[in-house]
Amino acid sequence: MLHIEVILLDLDDTLWEVGPVIVRAEHAMLAFLAEHYPRVLERHSLDSMRDVRARMALEHPGMRHDFTWLRLASLRHHARDAGYPESMADAAFEVFYRARNEVQLYDDVMPSLERLRTRHRLYAVSNGNADLGVIGLAAYFAGAVAARDAGALKPDPRVFALALERAGAAAACALHVGDDAHADVEGARRAGLTPVWINREGRDWPAKLSPPPHTVRTLSELADLLGC
């Protein structure tokens, strides 16, 4: 493997399982709305609220990369529809976001980050809106790039380019590690980085895509691969 200066790491489903986190966060938000803004839930279920958010992404394609904006905008819509002040959206989002950052790290994450950062600079690169400071991981990373920073979602090369710019590194000297075959592996490959597929669940690689140059099951295997 070429000399690697920087490792870009995806977050959701790479450092923690995100599905249950979002479900818990949405239910915490619903409980808050039921207590403080009940007319919203007289008009909407969780599924219909998701439908509104999806429709907003279609109506505002220039903002589809910004999950925070989409959730706040849809909550403001619900507030107006139910006759509440738009400040409801900020209060409800605060409840959601607090729970969204209550993640359960995979067991290998903390010891592996300790190993990896001894020889490489680490940058988080995510389509999501998790806060490493709130989660308690910021000290392990030299920086972070979210899709909302780049104005695009992975696999768009602008996301990787911004991360490399902030890291002051060339693509040839960087790895990107992530779980998504398209967003992470293909995105990194097209941006000139070396991709590493982290396949925690033992899934089959999509037949239509060229196999990744490196596959690991855990970050511990990545640290072994890099000799950390």
C-alpha atoms as a PDB file:
ATOM      1  CA  MET A   1       0.000   0.000   0.000  1.00  0.00           C
ATOM      2  CA  LEU A   2       1.211   3.525  -0.771  1.00  0.00           C
ATOM      3  CA  HIS A   3       2.327   5.814   2.030  1.00  0.00           C
ATOM      4  CA  ILE A   4      -0.854   6.954   3.760  1.00  0.00           C
ATOM      5  CA  GLU A   5      -0.861  10.288   5.568  1.00  0.00           C
ATOM      6  CA  VAL A   6      -4.577  10.769   6.150  1.00  0.00           C
ATOM      7  CA  ILE A   7      -7.467   8.415   6.828  1.00  0.00           C
ATOM      8  CA  LEU A   8     -10.975   9.644   6.089  1.00  0.00           C
ATOM      9  CA  LEU A   9     -13.588   7.793   8.115  1.00  0.00           C
ATOM     10  CA  ASP A  10     -17.302   7.571   7.530  1.00  0.00           C
ATOM     11  CA  LEU A  11     -19.366   7.699  10.742  1.00  0.00           C
ATOM     12  CA  ASP A  12     -22.879   6.204  10.521  1.00  0.00           C
ATOM     13  CA  ASP A  13     -22.757   2.394  10.224  1.00  0.00           C
ATOM     14  CA  THR A  14     -18.960   2.577  10.267  1.00  0.00           C
ATOM     15  CA  LEU A  15     -18.334   3.644  13.872  1.00  0.00           C
ATOM     16  CA  TRP A  16     -21.843   2.859  15.157  1.00  0.00           C
ATOM     17  CA  GLU A  17     -25.109   1.386  13.901  1.00  0.00           C
ATOM     18  CA  VAL A  18     -27.258   4.342  12.944  1.00  0.00           C
ATOM     19  CA  GLY A  19     -30.706   2.848  12.248  1.00  0.00           C
ATOM     20  CA  PRO A  20     -31.719   2.261  15.880  1.00  0.00           C
ATOM     21  CA  VAL A  21     -30.283   5.656  16.846  1.00  0.00           C
ATOM     22  CA  ILE A  22     -32.533   7.516  14.400  1.00  0.00           C
ATOM     23  CA  VAL A  23     -35.578   5.490  15.474  1.00  0.00           C
ATOM     24  CA  ARG A  24     -34.969   6.343  19.144  1.00  0.00           C
ATOM     25  CA  ALA A  25     -34.366   9.997  18.304  1.00  0.00           C
ATOM     26  CA  GLU A  26     -37.569  10.267  16.285  1.00  0.00           C
ATOM     27  CA  HIS A  27     -39.608   8.634  19.032  1.00  0.00           C
ATOM     28  CA  ALA A  28     -38.089  10.985  21.613  1.00  0.00           C
ATOM     29  CA  MET A  29     -39.128  13.887  19.393  1.00  0.00           C
ATOM     30  CA  LEU A  30     -42.647  12.466  19.021  1.00  0.00           C
ATOM     31  CA  ALA A  31     -42.996  12.141  22.797  1.00  0.00           C
ATOM     32  CA  PHE A  32     -41.923  15.774  23.162  1.00  0.00           C
ATOM     33  CA  LEU A  33     -44.446  16.905  20.547  1.00  0.00           C
ATOM     34  CA  ALA A  34     -47.219  14.846  22.140  1.00  0.00           C
ATOM     35  CA  GLU A  35     -46.609  16.563  25.474  1.00  0.00           C
ATOM     36  CA  HIS A  36     -46.023  20.128  24.325  1.00  0.00           C
ATOM     37  CA  TYR A  37     -47.505  20.438  20.803  1.00  0.00           C
ATOM     38  CA  PRO A  38     -50.231  17.770  20.587  1.00  0.00           C
ATOM     39  CA  ARG A  39     -52.047  19.213  17.564  1.00  0.00           C
ATOM     40  CA  VAL A  40     -49.121  18.163  15.370  1.00  0.00           C
ATOM     41  CA  LEU A  41     -49.747  14.502  16.158  1.00  0.00           C
ATOM     42  CA  GLU A  42     -53.467  14.934  15.590  1.00  0.00           C
ATOM     43  CA  ARG A  43     -52.515  15.641  11.982  1.00  0.00           C
ATOM     44  CA  HIS A  44     -49.474  13.436  11.471  1.00  0.00           C
ATOM     45  CA  SER A  45     -47.940  10.077  12.260  1.00  0.00           C
ATOM     46  CA  LEU A  46     -44.209   9.430  12.186  1.00  0.00           C
ATOM     47  CA  ASP A  47     -44.581   7.975   8.690  1.00  0.00           C
ATOM     48  CA  SER A  48     -46.433  10.996   7.342  1.00  0.00           C
ATOM     49  CA  MET A  49     -43.846  13.313   8.906  1.00  0.00           C
ATOM     50  CA  ARG A  50     -41.163  11.358   7.071  1.00  0.00           C
ATOM     51  CA  ASP A  51     -43.187  11.751   3.869  1.00  0.00           C
ATOM     52  CA  VAL A  52     -43.276  15.525   4.330  1.00  0.00           C
ATOM     53  CA  ARG A  53     -39.512  15.610   4.819  1.00  0.00           C
ATOM     54  CA  ALA A  54     -38.971  13.493   1.702  1.00  0.00           C
ATOM     55  CA  ARG A  55     -41.227  15.818  -0.286  1.00  0.00           C
ATOM     56  CA  MET A  56     -39.239  18.821   0.896  1.00  0.00           C
ATOM     57  CA  ALA A  57     -36.055  17.171  -0.341  1.00  0.00           C
ATOM     58  CA  LEU A  58     -37.674  16.859  -3.778  1.00  0.00           C
ATOM     59  CA  GLU A  59     -38.976  20.433  -3.714  1.00  0.00           C
ATOM     60  CA  HIS A  60     -35.603  21.812  -2.584  1.00  0.00           C
ATOM     61  CA  PRO A  61     -32.997  19.706  -4.408  1.00  0.00           C
ATOM     62  CA  GLY A  62     -30.304  22.215  -3.532  1.00  0.00           C
ATOM     63  CA  MET A  63     -30.783  21.349   0.149  1.00  0.00           C
ATOM     64  CA  ARG A  64     -31.176  17.574  -0.023  1.00  0.00           C
ATOM     65  CA  HIS A  65     -27.639  17.147   1.308  1.00  0.00           C
ATOM     66  CA  ASP A  66     -28.451  19.031   4.530  1.00  0.00           C
ATOM     67  CA  PHE A  67     -30.345  16.694   6.846  1.00  0.00           C
ATOM     68  CA  THR A  68     -30.499  19.320   9.604  1.00  0.00           C
ATOM     69  CA  TRP A  69     -32.119  21.861   7.285  1.00  0.00           C
ATOM     70  CA  LEU A  70     -34.619  19.310   5.981  1.00  0.00           C
ATOM     71  CA  ARG A  71     -35.709  18.237   9.446  1.00  0.00           C
ATOM     72  CA  LEU A  72     -36.003  21.810  10.717  1.00  0.00           C
ATOM     73  CA  ALA A  73     -37.872  22.943   7.602  1.00  0.00           C
ATOM     74  CA  SER A  74     -40.361  20.086   7.876  1.00  0.00           C
ATOM     75  CA  LEU A  75     -40.885  20.789  11.582  1.00  0.00           C
ATOM     76  CA  ARG A  76     -41.577  24.448  10.798  1.00  0.00           C
ATOM     77  CA  HIS A  77     -44.136  23.279   8.249  1.00  0.00           C
ATOM     78  CA  HIS A  78     -45.820  21.121  10.900  1.00  0.00           C
ATOM     79  CA  ALA A  79     -45.809  24.014  13.367  1.00  0.00           C
ATOM     80  CA  ARG A  80     -47.524  26.360  10.922  1.00  0.00           C
ATOM     81  CA  ASP A  81     -49.988  23.677   9.880  1.00  0.00           C
ATOM     82  CA  ALA A  82     -50.991  23.059  13.509  1.00  0.00           C
ATOM     83  CA  GLY A  83     -51.125  26.737  14.458  1.00  0.00           C
ATOM     84  CA  TYR A  84     -47.990  26.783  16.604  1.00  0.00           C
ATOM     85  CA  PRO A  85     -45.085  29.263  16.462  1.00  0.00           C
ATOM     86  CA  GLU A  86     -42.150  28.175  14.327  1.00  0.00           C
ATOM     87  CA  SER A  87     -39.998  28.124  17.463  1.00  0.00           C
ATOM     88  CA  MET A  88     -41.571  24.704  17.991  1.00  0.00           C
ATOM     89  CA  ALA A  89     -39.228  23.383  15.312  1.00  0.00           C
ATOM     90  CA  ASP A  90     -36.083  24.397  17.174  1.00  0.00           C
ATOM     91  CA  ALA A  91     -37.329  22.906  20.435  1.00  0.00           C
ATOM     92  CA  ALA A  92     -38.351  19.617  18.808  1.00  0.00           C
ATOM     93  CA  PHE A  93     -35.130  19.391  16.831  1.00  0.00           C
ATOM     94  CA  GLU A  94     -33.083  19.904  19.993  1.00  0.00           C
ATOM     95  CA  VAL A  95     -34.763  16.839  21.506  1.00  0.00           C
ATOM     96  CA  PHE A  96     -34.173  14.837  18.336  1.00  0.00           C
ATOM     97  CA  TYR A  97     -30.556  15.919  17.981  1.00  0.00           C
ATOM     98  CA  ARG A  98     -29.660  15.141  21.568  1.00  0.00           C
ATOM     99  CA  ALA A  99     -30.868  11.569  21.095  1.00  0.00           C
ATOM    100  CA  ARG A 100     -29.337  11.358  17.608  1.00  0.00           C
ATOM    101  CA  ASN A 101     -25.906  11.763  19.211  1.00  0.00           C
ATOM    102  CA  GLU A 102     -26.480   9.072  21.840  1.00  0.00           C
ATOM    103  CA  VAL A 103     -24.744   6.373  19.840  1.00  0.00           C
ATOM    104  CA  GLN A 104     -23.389   2.977  20.836  1.00  0.00           C
ATOM    105  CA  LEU A 105     -19.918   2.588  19.371  1.00  0.00           C
ATOM    106  CA  TYR A 106     -18.903  -0.760  17.943  1.00  0.00           C
ATOM    107  CA  ASP A 107     -16.568  -2.503  20.385  1.00  0.00           C
ATOM    108  CA  ASP A 108     -13.511  -2.139  18.149  1.00  0.00           C
ATOM    109  CA  VAL A 109     -13.846   1.608  17.580  1.00  0.00           C
ATOM    110  CA  MET A 110     -12.130   3.182  20.591  1.00  0.00           C
ATOM    111  CA  PRO A 111      -9.052   0.924  20.708  1.00  0.00           C
ATOM    112  CA  SER A 112      -8.708   1.130  16.923  1.00  0.00           C
ATOM    113  CA  LEU A 113      -8.896   4.924  16.837  1.00  0.00           C
ATOM    114  CA  GLU A 114      -6.160   4.975  19.467  1.00  0.00           C
ATOM    115  CA  ARG A 115      -3.989   2.796  17.231  1.00  0.00           C
ATOM    116  CA  LEU A 116      -4.745   4.597  13.982  1.00  0.00           C
ATOM    117  CA  ARG A 117      -4.113   8.113  15.258  1.00  0.00           C
ATOM    118  CA  THR A 118      -0.592   7.232  16.376  1.00  0.00           C
ATOM    119  CA  ARG A 119       0.515   7.080  12.724  1.00  0.00           C
ATOM    120  CA  HIS A 120      -2.167   8.868  10.703  1.00  0.00           C
ATOM    121  CA  ARG A 121      -4.287  11.992  10.825  1.00  0.00           C
ATOM    122  CA  LEU A 122      -7.964  11.107  10.990  1.00  0.00           C
ATOM    123  CA  TYR A 123     -10.798  13.087   9.401  1.00  0.00           C
ATOM    124  CA  ALA A 124     -14.486  12.265   9.675  1.00  0.00           C
ATOM    125  CA  VAL A 125     -16.389  12.428   6.376  1.00  0.00           C
ATOM    126  CA  SER A 126     -20.115  11.860   6.687  1.00  0.00           C
ATOM    127  CA  ASN A 127     -23.383  12.447   4.883  1.00  0.00           C
ATOM    128  CA  GLY A 128     -25.047  12.679   8.286  1.00  0.00           C
ATOM    129  CA  ASN A 129     -25.138  15.333  10.984  1.00  0.00           C
ATOM    130  CA  ALA A 130     -23.635  13.605  14.017  1.00  0.00           C
ATOM    131  CA  ASP A 131     -21.575  15.800  16.351  1.00  0.00           C
ATOM    132  CA  LEU A 132     -18.240  14.232  17.313  1.00  0.00           C
ATOM    133  CA  GLY A 133     -17.852  16.669  20.189  1.00  0.00           C
ATOM    134  CA  VAL A 134     -21.151  15.662  21.750  1.00  0.00           C
ATOM    135  CA  ILE A 135     -20.422  11.982  21.150  1.00  0.00           C
ATOM    136  CA  GLY A 136     -16.991  12.317  22.746  1.00  0.00           C
ATOM    137  CA  LEU A 137     -14.789  11.426  19.780  1.00  0.00           C
ATOM    138  CA  ALA A 138     -13.573  14.847  18.648  1.00  0.00           C
ATOM    139  CA  ALA A 139     -10.163  14.403  20.272  1.00  0.00           C
ATOM    140  CA  TYR A 140      -9.375  11.511  17.930  1.00  0.00           C
ATOM    141  CA  PHE A 141      -9.957  13.521  14.755  1.00  0.00           C
ATOM    142  CA  ALA A 142      -7.966  16.333  13.199  1.00  0.00           C
ATOM    143  CA  GLY A 143     -11.134  17.568  11.507  1.00  0.00           C
ATOM    144  CA  ALA A 144     -14.511  16.668  10.073  1.00  0.00           C
ATOM    145  CA  VAL A 145     -16.476  17.278   6.891  1.00  0.00           C
ATOM    146  CA  ALA A 146     -20.224  16.783   6.620  1.00  0.00           C
ATOM    147  CA  ALA A 147     -22.245  16.821   3.430  1.00  0.00           C
ATOM    148  CA  ARG A 148     -23.743  20.166   4.441  1.00  0.00           C
ATOM    149  CA  ASP A 149     -20.210  21.652   4.497  1.00  0.00           C
ATOM    150  CA  ALA A 150     -19.522  20.527   0.938  1.00  0.00           C
ATOM    151  CA  GLY A 151     -22.983  21.284  -0.436  1.00  0.00           C
ATOM    152  CA  ALA A 152     -23.304  17.718  -1.704  1.00  0.00           C
ATOM    153  CA  LEU A 153     -23.719  14.125  -0.583  1.00  0.00           C
ATOM    154  CA  LYS A 154     -21.169  11.385  -1.027  1.00  0.00           C
ATOM    155  CA  PRO A 155     -20.369   9.978  -3.589  1.00  0.00           C
ATOM    156  CA  ASP A 156     -20.028  13.507  -4.998  1.00  0.00           C
ATOM    157  CA  PRO A 157     -16.281  14.217  -5.313  1.00  0.00           C
ATOM    158  CA  ARG A 158     -16.736  17.650  -3.732  1.00  0.00           C
ATOM    159  CA  VAL A 159     -17.132  16.009  -0.330  1.00  0.00           C
ATOM    160  CA  PHE A 160     -13.805  14.204  -0.599  1.00  0.00           C
ATOM    161  CA  ALA A 161     -12.097  17.220  -2.161  1.00  0.00           C
ATOM    162  CA  LEU A 162     -13.104  19.417   0.769  1.00  0.00           C
ATOM    163  CA  ALA A 163     -11.806  16.857   3.254  1.00  0.00           C
ATOM    164  CA  LEU A 164      -8.481  16.633   1.423  1.00  0.00           C
ATOM    165  CA  GLU A 165      -8.252  20.423   1.238  1.00  0.00           C
ATOM    166  CA  ARG A 166      -8.777  20.738   4.978  1.00  0.00           C
ATOM    167  CA  ALA A 167      -6.266  17.969   5.610  1.00  0.00           C
ATOM    168  CA  GLY A 168      -3.719  19.475   3.236  1.00  0.00           C
ATOM    169  CA  ALA A 169      -3.231  16.063   1.665  1.00  0.00           C
ATOM    170  CA  ALA A 170      -3.134  14.643  -1.840  1.00  0.00           C
ATOM    171  CA  ALA A 171      -5.709  12.031  -2.796  1.00  0.00           C
ATOM    172  CA  ALA A 172      -2.927   9.534  -3.508  1.00  0.00           C
ATOM    173  CA  CYS A 173      -1.859   9.734   0.137  1.00  0.00           C
ATOM    174  CA  ALA A 174      -5.299   9.204   1.638  1.00  0.00           C
ATOM    175  CA  LEU A 175      -7.617   6.328   2.457  1.00  0.00           C
ATOM    176  CA  HIS A 176     -11.359   6.568   2.814  1.00  0.00           C
ATOM    177  CA  VAL A 177     -13.058   3.947   4.968  1.00  0.00           C
ATOM    178  CA  GLY A 178     -16.801   3.418   4.905  1.00  0.00           C
ATOM    179  CA  ASP A 179     -19.635   0.912   4.776  1.00  0.00           C
ATOM    180  CA  ASP A 180     -21.551   2.089   1.707  1.00  0.00           C
ATOM    181  CA  ALA A 181     -20.464   0.552  -1.595  1.00  0.00           C
ATOM    182  CA  HIS A 182     -21.638   3.521  -3.662  1.00  0.00           C
ATOM    183  CA  ALA A 183     -21.249   6.542  -1.385  1.00  0.00           C
ATOM    184  CA  ASP A 184     -17.999   5.495   0.259  1.00  0.00           C
ATOM    185  CA  VAL A 185     -16.125   3.032  -1.932  1.00  0.00           C
ATOM    186  CA  GLU A 186     -17.114   4.230  -5.399  1.00  0.00           C
ATOM    187  CA  GLY A 187     -17.134   7.850  -4.281  1.00  0.00           C
ATOM    188  CA  ALA A 188     -13.615   7.628  -2.896  1.00  0.00           C
ATOM    189  CA  ARG A 189     -12.350   5.699  -5.910  1.00  0.00           C
ATOM    190  CA  ARG A 190     -13.699   8.309  -8.339  1.00  0.00           C
ATOM    191  CA  ALA A 191     -12.145  11.072  -6.236  1.00  0.00           C
ATOM    192  CA  GLY A 192      -8.727   9.428  -6.512  1.00  0.00           C
ATOM    193  CA  LEU A 193      -8.481   8.068  -2.966  1.00  0.00           C
ATOM    194  CA  THR A 194      -7.808   4.479  -1.982  1.00  0.00           C
ATOM    195  CA  PRO A 195     -11.118   3.067  -0.705  1.00  0.00           C
ATOM    196  CA  VAL A 196     -11.490   0.544   2.087  1.00  0.00           C
ATOM    197  CA  TRP A 197     -14.838  -1.177   2.459  1.00  0.00           C
ATOM    198  CA  ILE A 198     -15.767  -1.924   6.056  1.00  0.00           C
ATOM    199  CA  ASN A 199     -18.188  -4.822   5.820  1.00  0.00           C
ATOM    200  CA  ARG A 200     -19.286  -5.522   9.374  1.00  0.00           C
ATOM    201  CA  GLU A 201     -22.297  -7.623   8.398  1.00  0.00           C
ATOM    202  CA  GLY A 202     -20.628  -9.912   5.868  1.00  0.00           C
ATOM    203  CA  ARG A 203     -22.711  -8.576   2.972  1.00  0.00           C
ATOM    204  CA  ASP A 204     -22.129  -9.478  -0.661  1.00  0.00           C
ATOM    205  CA  TRP A 205     -20.414  -6.859  -2.788  1.00  0.00           C
ATOM    206  CA  PRO A 206     -22.735  -5.427  -5.507  1.00  0.00           C
ATOM    207  CA  ALA A 207     -22.121  -7.411  -8.684  1.00  0.00           C
ATOM    208  CA  LYS A 208     -22.265  -4.334 -10.929  1.00  0.00           C
ATOM    209  CA  LEU A 209     -19.369  -2.600  -9.163  1.00  0.00           C
ATOM    210  CA  SER A 210     -15.657  -3.326  -9.354  1.00  0.00           C
ATOM    211  CA  PRO A 211     -14.493  -4.983  -6.120  1.00  0.00           C
ATOM    212  CA  PRO A 212     -12.830  -2.713  -3.568  1.00  0.00           C
ATOM    213  CA  PRO A 213      -9.044  -2.960  -3.274  1.00  0.00           C
ATOM    214  CA  HIS A 214      -9.327  -3.577   0.469  1.00  0.00           C
ATOM    215  CA  THR A 215     -12.088  -5.012   2.655  1.00  0.00           C
ATOM    216  CA  VAL A 216     -12.102  -5.229   6.452  1.00  0.00           C
ATOM    217  CA  ARG A 217     -14.680  -6.423   8.949  1.00  0.00           C
ATOM    218  CA  THR A 218     -13.598  -4.069  11.750  1.00  0.00           C
ATOM    219  CA  LEU A 219     -11.402  -1.055  12.363  1.00  0.00           C
ATOM    220  CA  SER A 220      -9.045  -3.401  14.189  1.00  0.00           C
ATOM    221  CA  GLU A 221      -8.452  -5.170  10.872  1.00  0.00           C
ATOM    222  CA  LEU A 222      -7.794  -1.776   9.283  1.00  0.00           C
ATOM    223  CA  ALA A 223      -5.187  -0.980  11.939  1.00  0.00           C
ATOM    224  CA  ASP A 224      -3.575  -4.375  11.296  1.00  0.00           C
ATOM    225  CA  LEU A 225      -3.590  -3.717   7.545  1.00  0.00           C
ATOM    226  CA  LEU A 226      -1.784  -0.418   8.082  1.00  0.00           C
ATOM    227  CA  GLY A 227       0.652  -1.823  10.619  1.00  0.00           C
ATOM    228  CA  CYS A 228      -0.542   0.406  13.443  1.00  0.00           C
END
